[in-house]
Amino acid sequence: KQPEWLPEGYTFQSGEIVPPYYHF
């Protein structure tokens, strides 16, 4: 979820959902 606190002036730009991939 969006953090309840952000530095002043920073607003939501975009969200990403990444498919599952694995560490070697």
mmCIF file of all heavy atoms, coordinates in Angstrom:
data_MODEL
# 
_entry.id   MODEL 
# 
loop_
_atom_site.group_PDB 
_atom_site.id 
_atom_site.type_symbol 
_atom_site.label_atom_id 
_atom_site.label_alt_id 
_atom_site.label_comp_id 
_atom_site.label_asym_id 
_atom_site.label_entity_id 
_atom_site.label_seq_id 
_atom_site.pdbx_PDB_ins_code 
_atom_site.Cartn_x 
_atom_site.Cartn_y 
_atom_site.Cartn_z 
_atom_site.occupancy 
_atom_site.B_iso_or_equiv 
_atom_site.pdbx_formal_charge 
_atom_site.auth_seq_id 
_atom_site.auth_comp_id 
_atom_site.auth_asym_id 
_atom_site.auth_atom_id 
_atom_site.pdbx_PDB_model_num 
ATOM 1   N N   . LYS A 1 1  ? 0.834  -1.194  0.000   1.00 0.00 ? 1  LYS A N   1 
ATOM 2   C CA  . LYS A 1 1  ? 0.000  0.000   0.000   1.00 0.00 ? 1  LYS A CA  1 
ATOM 3   C C   . LYS A 1 1  ? 0.872  1.249   0.000   1.00 0.00 ? 1  LYS A C   1 
ATOM 4   O O   . LYS A 1 1  ? 2.054  1.195   0.374   1.00 0.00 ? 1  LYS A O   1 
ATOM 5   C CB  . LYS A 1 1  ? -0.927 0.012   1.214   1.00 0.00 ? 1  LYS A CB  1 
ATOM 6   C CG  . LYS A 1 1  ? -2.000 -1.068  1.162   1.00 0.00 ? 1  LYS A CG  1 
ATOM 7   C CD  . LYS A 1 1  ? -2.992 -0.902  2.293   1.00 0.00 ? 1  LYS A CD  1 
ATOM 8   C CE  . LYS A 1 1  ? -4.109 -1.941  2.184   1.00 0.00 ? 1  LYS A CE  1 
ATOM 9   N NZ  . LYS A 1 1  ? -5.115 -1.791  3.262   1.00 0.00 ? 1  LYS A NZ  1 
ATOM 10  N N   . GLN A 1 2  ? 0.291  2.327   -0.425  1.00 0.00 ? 2  GLN A N   1 
ATOM 11  C CA  . GLN A 1 2  ? 1.028  3.581   -0.446  1.00 0.00 ? 2  GLN A CA  1 
ATOM 12  C C   . GLN A 1 2  ? 1.475  3.935   0.976   1.00 0.00 ? 2  GLN A C   1 
ATOM 13  O O   . GLN A 1 2  ? 0.679  3.872   1.919   1.00 0.00 ? 2  GLN A O   1 
ATOM 14  C CB  . GLN A 1 2  ? 0.143  4.694   -1.014  1.00 0.00 ? 2  GLN A CB  1 
ATOM 15  C CG  . GLN A 1 2  ? 0.866  6.026   -1.139  1.00 0.00 ? 2  GLN A CG  1 
ATOM 16  C CD  . GLN A 1 2  ? 0.075  7.005   -1.982  1.00 0.00 ? 2  GLN A CD  1 
ATOM 17  O OE1 . GLN A 1 2  ? -0.460 6.639   -3.019  1.00 0.00 ? 2  GLN A OE1 1 
ATOM 18  N NE2 . GLN A 1 2  ? 0.010  8.255   -1.537  1.00 0.00 ? 2  GLN A NE2 1 
ATOM 19  N N   . PRO A 1 3  ? 2.768  4.273   1.154   1.00 0.00 ? 3  PRO A N   1 
ATOM 20  C CA  . PRO A 1 3  ? 3.247  4.643   2.495   1.00 0.00 ? 3  PRO A CA  1 
ATOM 21  C C   . PRO A 1 3  ? 2.413  5.776   3.078   1.00 0.00 ? 3  PRO A C   1 
ATOM 22  O O   . PRO A 1 3  ? 1.990  6.688   2.361   1.00 0.00 ? 3  PRO A O   1 
ATOM 23  C CB  . PRO A 1 3  ? 4.692  5.087   2.220   1.00 0.00 ? 3  PRO A CB  1 
ATOM 24  C CG  . PRO A 1 3  ? 5.081  4.388   0.956   1.00 0.00 ? 3  PRO A CG  1 
ATOM 25  C CD  . PRO A 1 3  ? 3.835  4.328   0.140   1.00 0.00 ? 3  PRO A CD  1 
ATOM 26  N N   . GLU A 1 4  ? 2.191  5.713   4.372   1.00 0.00 ? 4  GLU A N   1 
ATOM 27  C CA  . GLU A 1 4  ? 1.405  6.760   5.024   1.00 0.00 ? 4  GLU A CA  1 
ATOM 28  C C   . GLU A 1 4  ? 2.176  8.075   5.134   1.00 0.00 ? 4  GLU A C   1 
ATOM 29  O O   . GLU A 1 4  ? 1.592  9.129   5.357   1.00 0.00 ? 4  GLU A O   1 
ATOM 30  C CB  . GLU A 1 4  ? 0.961  6.277   6.409   1.00 0.00 ? 4  GLU A CB  1 
ATOM 31  C CG  . GLU A 1 4  ? 0.011  5.085   6.332   1.00 0.00 ? 4  GLU A CG  1 
ATOM 32  C CD  . GLU A 1 4  ? -0.512 4.692   7.699   1.00 0.00 ? 4  GLU A CD  1 
ATOM 33  O OE1 . GLU A 1 4  ? -0.254 5.436   8.670   1.00 0.00 ? 4  GLU A OE1 1 
ATOM 34  O OE2 . GLU A 1 4  ? -1.182 3.651   7.798   1.00 0.00 ? 4  GLU A OE2 1 
ATOM 35  N N   . TRP A 1 5  ? 3.502  7.978   4.985   1.00 0.00 ? 5  TRP A N   1 
ATOM 36  C CA  . TRP A 1 5  ? 4.311  9.203   4.992   1.00 0.00 ? 5  TRP A CA  1 
ATOM 37  C C   . TRP A 1 5  ? 5.278  9.193   3.831   1.00 0.00 ? 5  TRP A C   1 
ATOM 38  O O   . TRP A 1 5  ? 5.915  8.174   3.535   1.00 0.00 ? 5  TRP A O   1 
ATOM 39  C CB  . TRP A 1 5  ? 5.116  9.325   6.278   1.00 0.00 ? 5  TRP A CB  1 
ATOM 40  C CG  . TRP A 1 5  ? 5.915  10.616  6.326   1.00 0.00 ? 5  TRP A CG  1 
ATOM 41  C CD1 . TRP A 1 5  ? 5.497  11.826  6.784   1.00 0.00 ? 5  TRP A CD1 1 
ATOM 42  C CD2 . TRP A 1 5  ? 7.254  10.813  5.852   1.00 0.00 ? 5  TRP A CD2 1 
ATOM 43  N NE1 . TRP A 1 5  ? 6.493  12.777  6.626   1.00 0.00 ? 5  TRP A NE1 1 
ATOM 44  C CE2 . TRP A 1 5  ? 7.587  12.177  6.058   1.00 0.00 ? 5  TRP A CE2 1 
ATOM 45  C CE3 . TRP A 1 5  ? 8.207  9.972   5.266   1.00 0.00 ? 5  TRP A CE3 1 
ATOM 46  C CZ2 . TRP A 1 5  ? 8.821  12.725  5.711   1.00 0.00 ? 5  TRP A CZ2 1 
ATOM 47  C CZ3 . TRP A 1 5  ? 9.442  10.507  4.912   1.00 0.00 ? 5  TRP A CZ3 1 
ATOM 48  C CH2 . TRP A 1 5  ? 9.741  11.864  5.136   1.00 0.00 ? 5  TRP A CH2 1 
ATOM 49  N N   . LEU A 1 6  ? 5.347  10.325  3.126   1.00 0.00 ? 6  LEU A N   1 
ATOM 50  C CA  . LEU A 1 6  ? 6.315  10.528  2.056   1.00 0.00 ? 6  LEU A CA  1 
ATOM 51  C C   . LEU A 1 6  ? 6.916  11.917  2.220   1.00 0.00 ? 6  LEU A C   1 
ATOM 52  O O   . LEU A 1 6  ? 6.260  12.826  2.744   1.00 0.00 ? 6  LEU A O   1 
ATOM 53  C CB  . LEU A 1 6  ? 5.645  10.428  0.676   1.00 0.00 ? 6  LEU A CB  1 
ATOM 54  C CG  . LEU A 1 6  ? 5.238  9.039   0.186   1.00 0.00 ? 6  LEU A CG  1 
ATOM 55  C CD1 . LEU A 1 6  ? 4.349  9.166   -1.047  1.00 0.00 ? 6  LEU A CD1 1 
ATOM 56  C CD2 . LEU A 1 6  ? 6.476  8.204   -0.153  1.00 0.00 ? 6  LEU A CD2 1 
ATOM 57  N N   . PRO A 1 7  ? 8.149  12.124  1.756   1.00 0.00 ? 7  PRO A N   1 
ATOM 58  C CA  . PRO A 1 7  ? 8.721  13.471  1.795   1.00 0.00 ? 7  PRO A CA  1 
ATOM 59  C C   . PRO A 1 7  ? 7.814  14.441  1.042   1.00 0.00 ? 7  PRO A C   1 
ATOM 60  O O   . PRO A 1 7  ? 7.136  14.055  0.077   1.00 0.00 ? 7  PRO A O   1 
ATOM 61  C CB  . PRO A 1 7  ? 10.068 13.301  1.091   1.00 0.00 ? 7  PRO A CB  1 
ATOM 62  C CG  . PRO A 1 7  ? 10.406 11.856  1.272   1.00 0.00 ? 7  PRO A CG  1 
ATOM 63  C CD  . PRO A 1 7  ? 9.098  11.136  1.220   1.00 0.00 ? 7  PRO A CD  1 
ATOM 64  N N   . GLU A 1 8  ? 7.793  15.661  1.461   1.00 0.00 ? 8  GLU A N   1 
ATOM 65  C CA  . GLU A 1 8  ? 6.906  16.669  0.880   1.00 0.00 ? 8  GLU A CA  1 
ATOM 66  C C   . GLU A 1 8  ? 7.106  16.799  -0.632  1.00 0.00 ? 8  GLU A C   1 
ATOM 67  O O   . GLU A 1 8  ? 8.221  16.867  -1.128  1.00 0.00 ? 8  GLU A O   1 
ATOM 68  C CB  . GLU A 1 8  ? 7.161  18.027  1.545   1.00 0.00 ? 8  GLU A CB  1 
ATOM 69  C CG  . GLU A 1 8  ? 6.184  19.112  1.108   1.00 0.00 ? 8  GLU A CG  1 
ATOM 70  C CD  . GLU A 1 8  ? 6.417  20.425  1.831   1.00 0.00 ? 8  GLU A CD  1 
ATOM 71  O OE1 . GLU A 1 8  ? 7.263  20.458  2.752   1.00 0.00 ? 8  GLU A OE1 1 
ATOM 72  O OE2 . GLU A 1 8  ? 5.759  21.408  1.470   1.00 0.00 ? 8  GLU A OE2 1 
ATOM 73  N N   . GLY A 1 9  ? 5.976  16.805  -1.352  1.00 0.00 ? 9  GLY A N   1 
ATOM 74  C CA  . GLY A 1 9  ? 6.015  17.029  -2.795  1.00 0.00 ? 9  GLY A CA  1 
ATOM 75  C C   . GLY A 1 9  ? 6.039  15.775  -3.637  1.00 0.00 ? 9  GLY A C   1 
ATOM 76  O O   . GLY A 1 9  ? 5.831  15.836  -4.849  1.00 0.00 ? 9  GLY A O   1 
ATOM 77  N N   . TYR A 1 10 ? 6.256  14.600  -3.032  1.00 0.00 ? 10 TYR A N   1 
ATOM 78  C CA  . TYR A 1 10 ? 6.318  13.348  -3.805  1.00 0.00 ? 10 TYR A CA  1 
ATOM 79  C C   . TYR A 1 10 ? 4.917  12.745  -3.908  1.00 0.00 ? 10 TYR A C   1 
ATOM 80  O O   . TYR A 1 10 ? 4.220  12.570  -2.906  1.00 0.00 ? 10 TYR A O   1 
ATOM 81  C CB  . TYR A 1 10 ? 7.264  12.351  -3.137  1.00 0.00 ? 10 TYR A CB  1 
ATOM 82  C CG  . TYR A 1 10 ? 8.722  12.716  -3.295  1.00 0.00 ? 10 TYR A CG  1 
ATOM 83  C CD1 . TYR A 1 10 ? 9.308  13.648  -2.443  1.00 0.00 ? 10 TYR A CD1 1 
ATOM 84  C CD2 . TYR A 1 10 ? 9.500  12.161  -4.303  1.00 0.00 ? 10 TYR A CD2 1 
ATOM 85  C CE1 . TYR A 1 10 ? 10.643 14.002  -2.577  1.00 0.00 ? 10 TYR A CE1 1 
ATOM 86  C CE2 . TYR A 1 10 ? 10.830 12.504  -4.448  1.00 0.00 ? 10 TYR A CE2 1 
ATOM 87  C CZ  . TYR A 1 10 ? 11.402 13.438  -3.583  1.00 0.00 ? 10 TYR A CZ  1 
ATOM 88  O OH  . TYR A 1 10 ? 12.729 13.793  -3.739  1.00 0.00 ? 10 TYR A OH  1 
ATOM 89  N N   . THR A 1 11 ? 4.519  12.448  -5.152  1.00 0.00 ? 11 THR A N   1 
ATOM 90  C CA  . THR A 1 11 ? 3.182  11.905  -5.402  1.00 0.00 ? 11 THR A CA  1 
ATOM 91  C C   . THR A 1 11 ? 3.266  10.642  -6.257  1.00 0.00 ? 11 THR A C   1 
ATOM 92  O O   . THR A 1 11 ? 4.264  10.405  -6.946  1.00 0.00 ? 11 THR A O   1 
ATOM 93  C CB  . THR A 1 11 ? 2.290  12.942  -6.125  1.00 0.00 ? 11 THR A CB  1 
ATOM 94  O OG1 . THR A 1 11 ? 2.926  13.327  -7.356  1.00 0.00 ? 11 THR A OG1 1 
ATOM 95  C CG2 . THR A 1 11 ? 2.061  14.167  -5.257  1.00 0.00 ? 11 THR A CG2 1 
ATOM 96  N N   . PHE A 1 12 ? 2.210  9.847   -6.199  1.00 0.00 ? 12 PHE A N   1 
ATOM 97  C CA  . PHE A 1 12 ? 2.154  8.595   -6.956  1.00 0.00 ? 12 PHE A CA  1 
ATOM 98  C C   . PHE A 1 12 ? 2.352  8.852   -8.441  1.00 0.00 ? 12 PHE A C   1 
ATOM 99  O O   . PHE A 1 12 ? 1.709  9.700   -9.035  1.00 0.00 ? 12 PHE A O   1 
ATOM 100 C CB  . PHE A 1 12 ? 0.805  7.916   -6.729  1.00 0.00 ? 12 PHE A CB  1 
ATOM 101 C CG  . PHE A 1 12 ? 0.610  6.649   -7.525  1.00 0.00 ? 12 PHE A CG  1 
ATOM 102 C CD1 . PHE A 1 12 ? 1.167  5.456   -7.102  1.00 0.00 ? 12 PHE A CD1 1 
ATOM 103 C CD2 . PHE A 1 12 ? -0.134 6.671   -8.696  1.00 0.00 ? 12 PHE A CD2 1 
ATOM 104 C CE1 . PHE A 1 12 ? 0.987  4.291   -7.833  1.00 0.00 ? 12 PHE A CE1 1 
ATOM 105 C CE2 . PHE A 1 12 ? -0.324 5.505   -9.436  1.00 0.00 ? 12 PHE A CE2 1 
ATOM 106 C CZ  . PHE A 1 12 ? 0.231  4.313   -9.006  1.00 0.00 ? 12 PHE A CZ  1 
ATOM 107 N N   . GLN A 1 13 ? 3.264  8.110   -9.041  1.00 0.00 ? 13 GLN A N   1 
ATOM 108 C CA  . GLN A 1 13 ? 3.509  8.215   -10.481 1.00 0.00 ? 13 GLN A CA  1 
ATOM 109 C C   . GLN A 1 13 ? 3.006  6.988   -11.229 1.00 0.00 ? 13 GLN A C   1 
ATOM 110 O O   . GLN A 1 13 ? 2.299  7.085   -12.218 1.00 0.00 ? 13 GLN A O   1 
ATOM 111 C CB  . GLN A 1 13 ? 5.003  8.395   -10.766 1.00 0.00 ? 13 GLN A CB  1 
ATOM 112 C CG  . GLN A 1 13 ? 5.316  8.577   -12.265 1.00 0.00 ? 13 GLN A CG  1 
ATOM 113 C CD  . GLN A 1 13 ? 6.811  8.632   -12.523 1.00 0.00 ? 13 GLN A CD  1 
ATOM 114 O OE1 . GLN A 1 13 ? 7.546  7.725   -12.163 1.00 0.00 ? 13 GLN A OE1 1 
ATOM 115 N NE2 . GLN A 1 13 ? 7.265  9.717   -13.145 1.00 0.00 ? 13 GLN A NE2 1 
ATOM 116 N N   . SER A 1 14 ? 3.377  5.796   -10.754 1.00 0.00 ? 14 SER A N   1 
ATOM 117 C CA  . SER A 1 14 ? 2.933  4.570   -11.417 1.00 0.00 ? 14 SER A CA  1 
ATOM 118 C C   . SER A 1 14 ? 3.141  3.365   -10.507 1.00 0.00 ? 14 SER A C   1 
ATOM 119 O O   . SER A 1 14 ? 3.852  3.433   -9.501  1.00 0.00 ? 14 SER A O   1 
ATOM 120 C CB  . SER A 1 14 ? 3.707  4.343   -12.730 1.00 0.00 ? 14 SER A CB  1 
ATOM 121 O OG  . SER A 1 14 ? 5.078  4.103   -12.448 1.00 0.00 ? 14 SER A OG  1 
ATOM 122 N N   . GLY A 1 15 ? 2.499  2.277   -10.885 1.00 0.00 ? 15 GLY A N   1 
ATOM 123 C CA  . GLY A 1 15 ? 2.672  1.021   -10.169 1.00 0.00 ? 15 GLY A CA  1 
ATOM 124 C C   . GLY A 1 15 ? 3.007  -0.081  -11.158 1.00 0.00 ? 15 GLY A C   1 
ATOM 125 O O   . GLY A 1 15 ? 2.598  -0.029  -12.322 1.00 0.00 ? 15 GLY A O   1 
ATOM 126 N N   . GLU A 1 16 ? 3.776  -1.054  -10.715 1.00 0.00 ? 16 GLU A N   1 
ATOM 127 C CA  . GLU A 1 16 ? 4.157  -2.187  -11.561 1.00 0.00 ? 16 GLU A CA  1 
ATOM 128 C C   . GLU A 1 16 ? 3.854  -3.498  -10.864 1.00 0.00 ? 16 GLU A C   1 
ATOM 129 O O   . GLU A 1 16 ? 3.987  -3.602  -9.640  1.00 0.00 ? 16 GLU A O   1 
ATOM 130 C CB  . GLU A 1 16 ? 5.662  -2.160  -11.881 1.00 0.00 ? 16 GLU A CB  1 
ATOM 131 C CG  . GLU A 1 16 ? 6.112  -1.053  -12.783 1.00 0.00 ? 16 GLU A CG  1 
ATOM 132 C CD  . GLU A 1 16 ? 7.603  -1.173  -13.097 1.00 0.00 ? 16 GLU A CD  1 
ATOM 133 O OE1 . GLU A 1 16 ? 8.207  -2.219  -12.765 1.00 0.00 ? 16 GLU A OE1 1 
ATOM 134 O OE2 . GLU A 1 16 ? 8.163  -0.216  -13.652 1.00 0.00 ? 16 GLU A OE2 1 
ATOM 135 N N   . ILE A 1 17 ? 3.472  -4.472  -11.653 1.00 0.00 ? 17 ILE A N   1 
ATOM 136 C CA  . ILE A 1 17 ? 3.327  -5.835  -11.168 1.00 0.00 ? 17 ILE A CA  1 
ATOM 137 C C   . ILE A 1 17 ? 4.288  -6.685  -11.986 1.00 0.00 ? 17 ILE A C   1 
ATOM 138 O O   . ILE A 1 17 ? 4.224  -6.697  -13.223 1.00 0.00 ? 17 ILE A O   1 
ATOM 139 C CB  . ILE A 1 17 ? 1.887  -6.340  -11.323 1.00 0.00 ? 17 ILE A CB  1 
ATOM 140 C CG1 . ILE A 1 17 ? 0.971  -5.548  -10.384 1.00 0.00 ? 17 ILE A CG1 1 
ATOM 141 C CG2 . ILE A 1 17 ? 1.792  -7.837  -11.037 1.00 0.00 ? 17 ILE A CG2 1 
ATOM 142 C CD1 . ILE A 1 17 ? -0.476 -5.849  -10.560 1.00 0.00 ? 17 ILE A CD1 1 
ATOM 143 N N   . VAL A 1 18 ? 5.202  -7.354  -11.292 1.00 0.00 ? 18 VAL A N   1 
ATOM 144 C CA  . VAL A 1 18 ? 6.265  -8.107  -11.959 1.00 0.00 ? 18 VAL A CA  1 
ATOM 145 C C   . VAL A 1 18 ? 5.984  -9.604  -11.872 1.00 0.00 ? 18 VAL A C   1 
ATOM 146 O O   . VAL A 1 18 ? 5.715  -10.127 -10.771 1.00 0.00 ? 18 VAL A O   1 
ATOM 147 C CB  . VAL A 1 18 ? 7.628  -7.791  -11.312 1.00 0.00 ? 18 VAL A CB  1 
ATOM 148 C CG1 . VAL A 1 18 ? 8.737  -8.583  -11.989 1.00 0.00 ? 18 VAL A CG1 1 
ATOM 149 C CG2 . VAL A 1 18 ? 7.914  -6.287  -11.394 1.00 0.00 ? 18 VAL A CG2 1 
ATOM 150 N N   . PRO A 1 19 ? 6.054  -10.320 -12.998 1.00 0.00 ? 19 PRO A N   1 
ATOM 151 C CA  . PRO A 1 19 ? 5.863  -11.776 -12.970 1.00 0.00 ? 19 PRO A CA  1 
ATOM 152 C C   . PRO A 1 19 ? 6.910  -12.444 -12.079 1.00 0.00 ? 19 PRO A C   1 
ATOM 153 O O   . PRO A 1 19 ? 7.969  -11.861 -11.798 1.00 0.00 ? 19 PRO A O   1 
ATOM 154 C CB  . PRO A 1 19 ? 6.075  -12.177 -14.447 1.00 0.00 ? 19 PRO A CB  1 
ATOM 155 C CG  . PRO A 1 19 ? 5.738  -10.944 -15.215 1.00 0.00 ? 19 PRO A CG  1 
ATOM 156 C CD  . PRO A 1 19 ? 6.232  -9.811  -14.370 1.00 0.00 ? 19 PRO A CD  1 
ATOM 157 N N   . PRO A 1 20 ? 6.652  -13.663 -11.626 1.00 0.00 ? 20 PRO A N   1 
ATOM 158 C CA  . PRO A 1 20 ? 7.591  -14.347 -10.724 1.00 0.00 ? 20 PRO A CA  1 
ATOM 159 C C   . PRO A 1 20 ? 8.834  -14.863 -11.458 1.00 0.00 ? 20 PRO A C   1 
ATOM 160 O O   . PRO A 1 20 ? 8.728  -15.509 -12.494 1.00 0.00 ? 20 PRO A O   1 
ATOM 161 C CB  . PRO A 1 20 ? 6.761  -15.519 -10.190 1.00 0.00 ? 20 PRO A CB  1 
ATOM 162 C CG  . PRO A 1 20 ? 5.784  -15.802 -11.300 1.00 0.00 ? 20 PRO A CG  1 
ATOM 163 C CD  . PRO A 1 20 ? 5.449  -14.465 -11.885 1.00 0.00 ? 20 PRO A CD  1 
ATOM 164 N N   . TYR A 1 21 ? 9.987  -14.531 -10.936 1.00 0.00 ? 21 TYR A N   1 
ATOM 165 C CA  . TYR A 1 21 ? 11.245 -15.100 -11.435 1.00 0.00 ? 21 TYR A CA  1 
ATOM 166 C C   . TYR A 1 21 ? 12.130 -15.354 -10.215 1.00 0.00 ? 21 TYR A C   1 
ATOM 167 O O   . TYR A 1 21 ? 11.891 -14.817 -9.146  1.00 0.00 ? 21 TYR A O   1 
ATOM 168 C CB  . TYR A 1 21 ? 11.928 -14.169 -12.439 1.00 0.00 ? 21 TYR A CB  1 
ATOM 169 C CG  . TYR A 1 21 ? 12.350 -12.833 -11.876 1.00 0.00 ? 21 TYR A CG  1 
ATOM 170 C CD1 . TYR A 1 21 ? 13.644 -12.635 -11.399 1.00 0.00 ? 21 TYR A CD1 1 
ATOM 171 C CD2 . TYR A 1 21 ? 11.459 -11.770 -11.801 1.00 0.00 ? 21 TYR A CD2 1 
ATOM 172 C CE1 . TYR A 1 21 ? 14.030 -11.407 -10.874 1.00 0.00 ? 21 TYR A CE1 1 
ATOM 173 C CE2 . TYR A 1 21 ? 11.833 -10.539 -11.283 1.00 0.00 ? 21 TYR A CE2 1 
ATOM 174 C CZ  . TYR A 1 21 ? 13.126 -10.369 -10.830 1.00 0.00 ? 21 TYR A CZ  1 
ATOM 175 O OH  . TYR A 1 21 ? 13.502 -9.164  -10.295 1.00 0.00 ? 21 TYR A OH  1 
ATOM 176 N N   . TYR A 1 22 ? 13.174 -16.176 -10.377 1.00 0.00 ? 22 TYR A N   1 
ATOM 177 C CA  . TYR A 1 22 ? 13.859 -16.707 -9.204  1.00 0.00 ? 22 TYR A CA  1 
ATOM 178 C C   . TYR A 1 22 ? 15.357 -16.398 -9.167  1.00 0.00 ? 22 TYR A C   1 
ATOM 179 O O   . TYR A 1 22 ? 16.024 -16.357 -10.206 1.00 0.00 ? 22 TYR A O   1 
ATOM 180 C CB  . TYR A 1 22 ? 13.666 -18.224 -9.130  1.00 0.00 ? 22 TYR A CB  1 
ATOM 181 C CG  . TYR A 1 22 ? 12.224 -18.639 -9.269  1.00 0.00 ? 22 TYR A CG  1 
ATOM 182 C CD1 . TYR A 1 22 ? 11.777 -19.342 -10.393 1.00 0.00 ? 22 TYR A CD1 1 
ATOM 183 C CD2 . TYR A 1 22 ? 11.290 -18.305 -8.293  1.00 0.00 ? 22 TYR A CD2 1 
ATOM 184 C CE1 . TYR A 1 22 ? 10.443 -19.712 -10.515 1.00 0.00 ? 22 TYR A CE1 1 
ATOM 185 C CE2 . TYR A 1 22 ? 9.961  -18.672 -8.419  1.00 0.00 ? 22 TYR A CE2 1 
ATOM 186 C CZ  . TYR A 1 22 ? 9.540  -19.365 -9.537  1.00 0.00 ? 22 TYR A CZ  1 
ATOM 187 O OH  . TYR A 1 22 ? 8.225  -19.722 -9.666  1.00 0.00 ? 22 TYR A OH  1 
ATOM 188 N N   . HIS A 1 23 ? 15.870 -16.232 -7.950  1.00 0.00 ? 23 HIS A N   1 
ATOM 189 C CA  . HIS A 1 23 ? 17.300 -16.080 -7.722  1.00 0.00 ? 23 HIS A CA  1 
ATOM 190 C C   . HIS A 1 23 ? 17.982 -17.410 -8.041  1.00 0.00 ? 23 HIS A C   1 
ATOM 191 O O   . HIS A 1 23 ? 17.433 -18.484 -7.768  1.00 0.00 ? 23 HIS A O   1 
ATOM 192 C CB  . HIS A 1 23 ? 17.535 -15.696 -6.257  1.00 0.00 ? 23 HIS A CB  1 
ATOM 193 C CG  . HIS A 1 23 ? 18.948 -15.337 -5.942  1.00 0.00 ? 23 HIS A CG  1 
ATOM 194 N ND1 . HIS A 1 23 ? 19.941 -16.279 -5.758  1.00 0.00 ? 23 HIS A ND1 1 
ATOM 195 C CD2 . HIS A 1 23 ? 19.551 -14.124 -5.767  1.00 0.00 ? 23 HIS A CD2 1 
ATOM 196 C CE1 . HIS A 1 23 ? 21.082 -15.679 -5.482  1.00 0.00 ? 23 HIS A CE1 1 
ATOM 197 N NE2 . HIS A 1 23 ? 20.875 -14.368 -5.479  1.00 0.00 ? 23 HIS A NE2 1 
ATOM 198 N N   . PHE A 1 24 ? 19.190 -17.344 -8.611  1.00 0.00 ? 24 PHE A N   1 
ATOM 199 C CA  . PHE A 1 24 ? 19.831 -18.578 -9.073  1.00 0.00 ? 24 PHE A CA  1 
ATOM 200 C C   . PHE A 1 24 ? 20.207 -19.535 -7.936  1.00 0.00 ? 24 PHE A C   1 
ATOM 201 O O   . PHE A 1 24 ? 20.466 -20.717 -8.177  1.00 0.00 ? 24 PHE A O   1 
ATOM 202 C CB  . PHE A 1 24 ? 21.078 -18.257 -9.915  1.00 0.00 ? 24 PHE A CB  1 
ATOM 203 C CG  . PHE A 1 24 ? 22.278 -17.816 -9.118  1.00 0.00 ? 24 PHE A CG  1 
ATOM 204 C CD1 . PHE A 1 24 ? 23.296 -18.712 -8.825  1.00 0.00 ? 24 PHE A CD1 1 
ATOM 205 C CD2 . PHE A 1 24 ? 22.400 -16.501 -8.681  1.00 0.00 ? 24 PHE A CD2 1 
ATOM 206 C CE1 . PHE A 1 24 ? 24.400 -18.308 -8.098  1.00 0.00 ? 24 PHE A CE1 1 
ATOM 207 C CE2 . PHE A 1 24 ? 23.506 -16.087 -7.960  1.00 0.00 ? 24 PHE A CE2 1 
ATOM 208 C CZ  . PHE A 1 24 ? 24.509 -16.996 -7.660  1.00 0.00 ? 24 PHE A CZ  1 
# 
